[in-house]
Structures are given as structure tokens and as C-alpha cells.
Amino acid sequence: MKKESFEFSNIFSPIAEDFEERKNRIGEKKGGKDMAFNEEYHLEGRPEWICDLYLELDKYIMALKPDIKKEHLQTYIKYSFSGLLFAYIIIRKRGEILKIWAKVPYSNLKGPVPLFVRDYEDTSRRPGVMITFDDQRDYLSGKSAMLSTTFEVLESAFKSLTGKRVTKPKEPIAVFKTSSVTLSVDNDGYIEVNFKIHKSQKILLEKILQDTIYK
């Protein structure tokens, strides 16, 4: 008997707009080499709320930047940008548990941190937090707030890779022959600085005040 074949080339797109289509296809094909470490492998047999949660998280992460790379490994799903890991998702095969690790120091999180988000630096030996979803009732009743918190953490982790500010070098203060500076050291160790600038050099005066007194 000729076996029916399935086409899986477009099932698991990185950013799926139709969650139901992806969920319905999970588990259609079982066994064989095609099972090796893909979305189907991680979601097979998982409760519907876990699958929904994963798809929500995956969609958000992949929408952060077009060049984000996702890899399905044996024990987790890895997300990286420019070769740098910033998050991964673990879906436990036993029990109803989904965990997501984000590379952001716990101390960087703003406001009161919910209990489902914990500092993971001591365990992983690198800065990061672990977010745990292990209760369907808690998740469904507080879905909006829990996802909002998780999205903020993921965004912080991603921005830590891409949002580093480059300090613009300050323009050096020009020295004019018409200006004079005198220094004197007091007995208490403080240095007193006196300078004399012509009234026509307003720009120079503003720069000195901006970089000293007003700073």
C-alpha cells in the first residue's frame, strides 16, 4: 500500500500569523528522521495552553528583529542575534512546564519583580533570569500581565545586545591666548581655579560651565 506523504516545508514559519494552523499540524507526522529537533518534536503531546504560550513567545521574539536566528536543539529552543544568545525556551516532556531564560541581569529589571521571574545567575554562572510557567490556572487568569512582564524581560535581553550606546566624544575646549588661568592649593587639599576670559568669548565660557559647574 502506498503511504500518504505530507509536505512540511511551510508549516513552521518563524513568525506565524495563524496559530491554529501550526497547532493543528503538530503531531500529524510521527516517527522517522523528520522528528529530529524541530517545533513538532518540542510540542508533541504538550497541553494546549503550553503550545499557545510557546507560540505567543516565539512570535514576539522573532518579531524583535528580522535577523534573529532560531535553533531547535534537543533540550531547548535557542534564540540568537549576530551569533550571540539572548534567550532560550525549555518545554518539559514531563509535567506542564515551560521555562524561558533571558540574558538580562536580575538587578536591571524595573519595579516589583513577580515570583515567576527569578535570578538565575548563580545557577547558570552568567547574568540572566529564568521565567517559569507551571500552573495553567495561574497563567490563564493572569495571562495578559504575565505575558506583558515576559515580553519586557525579553526586550531588555535583546536590547542588551543591540542597544548599547556609544558615547559621543566631547569637543575639546579651545584655548585662546587672551584667556588666563591661575591655580592655588589650599591647606585642606582643595584646588582653587580662577580663570579670566574676555566677554567676547561667550561660546568658550558656555563650554567651560557646561562641562564643569552645570555637569
Protein backbone atom coordinates (compact mmCIF):
# COMPACT_ATOMS: atom_id res chain seq x y z
CA MET A 1 0.00 0.00 0.00
CA LYS A 2 1.33 3.37 -0.95
CA LYS A 3 1.89 5.60 2.06
CA GLU A 4 0.48 9.09 2.05
CA SER A 5 3.15 11.78 2.17
CA PHE A 6 2.93 15.15 3.91
CA GLU A 7 4.50 18.43 2.90
CA PHE A 8 6.11 20.19 5.88
CA SER A 9 8.14 22.86 4.10
CA ASN A 10 5.93 25.78 5.11
CA ILE A 11 4.31 24.55 8.31
CA PHE A 12 6.61 26.06 10.88
CA SER A 13 7.37 29.55 9.65
CA PRO A 14 9.37 31.67 12.14
CA ILE A 15 6.59 34.22 12.58
CA ALA A 16 3.25 32.51 12.03
CA GLU A 17 0.19 34.68 11.85
CA ASP A 18 -2.16 31.73 12.11
CA PHE A 19 -1.55 29.93 15.40
CA GLU A 20 -4.32 27.42 14.81
CA GLU A 21 -2.75 26.18 11.58
CA ARG A 22 0.55 25.49 13.31
CA LYS A 23 -1.10 23.79 16.28
CA ASN A 24 -3.25 21.56 14.11
CA ARG A 25 -0.23 20.36 12.14
CA ILE A 26 1.76 19.42 15.26
CA GLY A 27 1.70 15.66 15.62
CA GLU A 28 0.48 14.92 12.07
CA LYS A 29 3.67 13.11 11.26
CA LYS A 30 5.26 10.88 13.89
CA GLY A 31 8.39 8.78 13.91
CA GLY A 32 11.23 8.69 11.43
CA LYS A 33 14.13 11.03 10.87
CA ASP A 34 11.91 14.07 10.40
CA MET A 35 11.21 14.08 14.14
CA ALA A 36 14.71 15.29 14.95
CA PHE A 37 14.66 18.54 16.92
CA ASN A 38 12.02 20.75 15.35
CA GLU A 39 8.94 22.53 16.62
CA GLU A 40 6.90 19.35 16.36
CA TYR A 41 9.47 17.50 18.48
CA HIS A 42 9.21 20.03 21.32
CA LEU A 43 5.41 20.46 21.28
CA GLU A 44 4.26 16.91 20.62
CA GLY A 45 1.94 15.76 23.39
CA ARG A 46 2.09 19.05 25.27
CA PRO A 47 -1.11 20.60 26.70
CA GLU A 48 -2.87 23.19 24.56
CA TRP A 49 -2.07 26.06 26.93
CA ILE A 50 1.65 25.24 26.77
CA CYS A 51 1.52 25.21 22.96
CA ASP A 52 -0.37 28.51 22.92
CA LEU A 53 2.15 30.06 25.32
CA TYR A 54 5.11 28.89 23.26
CA LEU A 55 3.60 30.27 20.05
CA GLU A 56 2.95 33.63 21.73
CA LEU A 57 6.55 33.83 22.96
CA ASP A 58 8.04 32.63 19.70
CA LYS A 59 6.07 35.14 17.66
CA TYR A 60 7.13 38.02 19.92
CA ILE A 61 10.81 37.06 19.93
CA MET A 62 11.05 36.57 16.18
CA ALA A 63 9.35 39.93 15.59
CA LEU A 64 12.01 41.81 17.55
CA LYS A 65 14.34 41.81 14.55
CA PRO A 66 14.26 40.14 11.13
CA ASP A 67 17.78 38.70 11.54
CA ILE A 68 17.07 36.77 14.75
CA LYS A 69 18.07 33.13 14.40
CA LYS A 70 16.08 30.28 15.98
CA GLU A 71 17.53 26.80 16.50
CA HIS A 72 15.68 23.72 17.71
CA LEU A 73 18.10 21.70 19.83
CA GLN A 74 17.41 18.50 21.74
CA THR A 75 16.58 20.07 25.10
CA TYR A 76 15.73 23.68 24.28
CA ILE A 77 14.93 26.22 21.57
CA LYS A 78 17.66 28.80 21.15
CA TYR A 79 17.30 32.43 20.01
CA SER A 80 20.35 34.44 18.98
CA PHE A 81 21.28 37.60 17.13
CA SER A 82 24.58 38.13 15.31
CA GLY A 83 25.80 34.88 16.82
CA LEU A 84 25.00 35.94 20.40
CA LEU A 85 22.50 34.02 22.51
CA PHE A 86 19.93 36.17 24.31
CA ALA A 87 17.11 33.74 25.15
CA TYR A 88 16.07 30.09 25.07
CA ILE A 89 12.86 28.16 25.79
CA ILE A 90 12.62 24.81 27.55
CA ILE A 91 9.43 22.74 27.26
CA ARG A 92 9.48 19.88 29.72
CA LYS A 93 8.37 16.50 28.41
CA ARG A 94 7.05 15.56 31.84
CA GLY A 95 4.54 17.78 33.57
CA GLU A 96 3.08 21.04 32.32
CA ILE A 97 6.13 23.29 32.48
CA LEU A 98 7.57 25.88 30.11
CA LYS A 99 10.65 27.86 31.07
CA ILE A 100 12.31 30.72 29.27
CA TRP A 101 15.77 32.06 30.05
CA ALA A 102 16.69 35.62 29.11
CA LYS A 103 20.14 37.15 29.21
CA VAL A 104 19.47 40.19 31.37
CA PRO A 105 20.75 40.84 34.93
CA TYR A 106 18.01 40.48 37.53
CA SER A 107 19.07 43.82 39.02
CA ASN A 108 18.20 45.53 35.72
CA LEU A 109 14.53 44.62 35.94
CA LYS A 110 12.24 47.54 36.75
CA GLY A 111 9.64 47.70 39.50
CA PRO A 112 8.46 44.82 41.69
CA VAL A 113 9.50 41.55 40.05
CA PRO A 114 6.84 38.78 40.03
CA LEU A 115 7.63 35.48 41.70
CA PHE A 116 7.58 33.56 38.40
CA VAL A 117 10.69 35.54 37.35
CA ARG A 118 13.81 34.67 39.33
CA ASP A 119 17.50 35.42 39.29
CA TYR A 120 19.35 32.59 37.55
CA GLU A 121 22.90 33.91 37.63
CA ASP A 122 24.09 31.66 40.47
CA THR A 123 22.81 28.58 38.64
CA SER A 124 23.97 29.39 35.10
CA ARG A 125 27.11 31.27 36.20
CA ARG A 126 26.22 34.15 33.90
CA PRO A 127 23.78 37.07 34.15
CA GLY A 128 20.24 36.02 33.36
CA VAL A 129 16.75 35.34 34.66
CA MET A 130 14.53 32.26 34.41
CA ILE A 131 10.80 32.71 33.83
CA THR A 132 8.70 29.68 34.75
CA PHE A 133 5.15 28.85 33.68
CA ASP A 134 3.98 25.75 35.54
CA ASP A 135 0.38 26.42 36.52
CA GLN A 136 -2.38 26.53 33.90
CA ARG A 137 -4.87 28.21 36.21
CA ASP A 138 -2.46 30.99 37.18
CA TYR A 139 -1.47 31.53 33.56
CA LEU A 140 -4.99 31.68 32.17
CA SER A 141 -6.22 34.00 34.93
CA GLY A 142 -3.26 36.36 34.65
CA LYS A 143 -2.25 35.78 31.02
CA SER A 144 -2.12 39.42 29.96
CA ALA A 145 0.01 40.57 32.91
CA MET A 146 2.32 37.54 32.77
CA LEU A 147 2.95 37.91 29.04
CA SER A 148 3.50 41.66 29.39
CA THR A 149 6.16 41.08 32.05
CA THR A 150 7.79 38.34 29.98
CA PHE A 151 7.85 40.48 26.84
CA GLU A 152 9.51 43.34 28.76
CA VAL A 153 12.22 40.97 30.00
CA LEU A 154 12.81 39.57 26.51
CA GLU A 155 13.02 43.05 25.03
CA SER A 156 15.57 44.07 27.68
CA ALA A 157 17.64 40.98 26.91
CA PHE A 158 17.59 41.73 23.19
CA LYS A 159 18.40 45.42 23.65
CA SER A 160 21.38 44.47 25.80
CA LEU A 161 22.89 43.07 22.58
CA THR A 162 21.81 45.79 20.17
CA GLY A 163 21.10 48.91 22.21
CA LYS A 164 24.49 49.71 23.68
CA ARG A 165 25.01 53.43 23.42
CA VAL A 166 28.22 54.78 22.03
CA THR A 167 29.34 57.84 23.94
CA LYS A 168 29.99 60.74 21.63
CA PRO A 169 33.39 62.27 22.33
CA LYS A 170 33.23 65.78 23.70
CA GLU A 171 34.70 68.55 21.68
CA PRO A 172 37.89 69.85 23.27
CA ILE A 173 37.76 73.31 24.77
CA ALA A 174 39.74 75.70 22.63
CA VAL A 175 42.47 77.62 24.39
CA PHE A 176 42.83 81.30 23.46
CA LYS A 177 45.82 83.49 24.09
CA THR A 178 43.58 86.14 25.57
CA SER A 179 42.45 83.80 28.41
CA SER A 180 44.36 83.23 31.63
CA VAL A 181 44.03 80.59 34.35
CA THR A 182 45.53 80.55 37.84
CA LEU A 183 45.63 77.62 40.25
CA SER A 184 46.13 77.65 44.01
CA VAL A 185 46.16 74.79 46.51
CA ASP A 186 44.57 75.39 49.92
CA ASN A 187 45.68 73.78 53.19
CA ASP A 188 42.62 71.50 53.13
CA GLY A 189 43.80 69.88 49.89
CA TYR A 190 41.30 71.57 47.56
CA ILE A 191 42.47 73.29 44.39
CA GLU A 192 41.06 76.70 43.57
CA VAL A 193 40.81 77.53 39.90
CA ASN A 194 40.46 81.11 38.65
CA PHE A 195 40.22 81.97 35.01
CA LYS A 196 39.88 85.22 33.13
CA ILE A 197 38.05 85.28 29.79
CA HIS A 198 37.18 88.20 27.59
CA LYS A 199 33.46 88.97 27.35
CA SER A 200 33.57 88.35 23.59
CA GLN A 201 34.33 84.64 24.19
CA LYS A 202 30.83 83.64 25.27
CA ILE A 203 30.95 80.27 23.50
CA LEU A 204 34.11 79.28 25.36
CA LEU A 205 32.59 80.34 28.68
CA GLU A 206 29.44 78.31 28.00
CA LYS A 207 31.52 75.20 27.22
CA ILE A 208 33.53 75.54 30.43
CA LEU A 209 30.39 75.97 32.53
CA GLN A 210 28.62 73.12 30.78
CA ASP A 211 31.50 70.67 31.38
CA THR A 212 32.16 71.74 34.98
CA ILE A 213 29.58 73.57 37.02
CA TYR A 214 26.45 72.53 35.13
CA LYS A 215 27.52 68.89 34.65
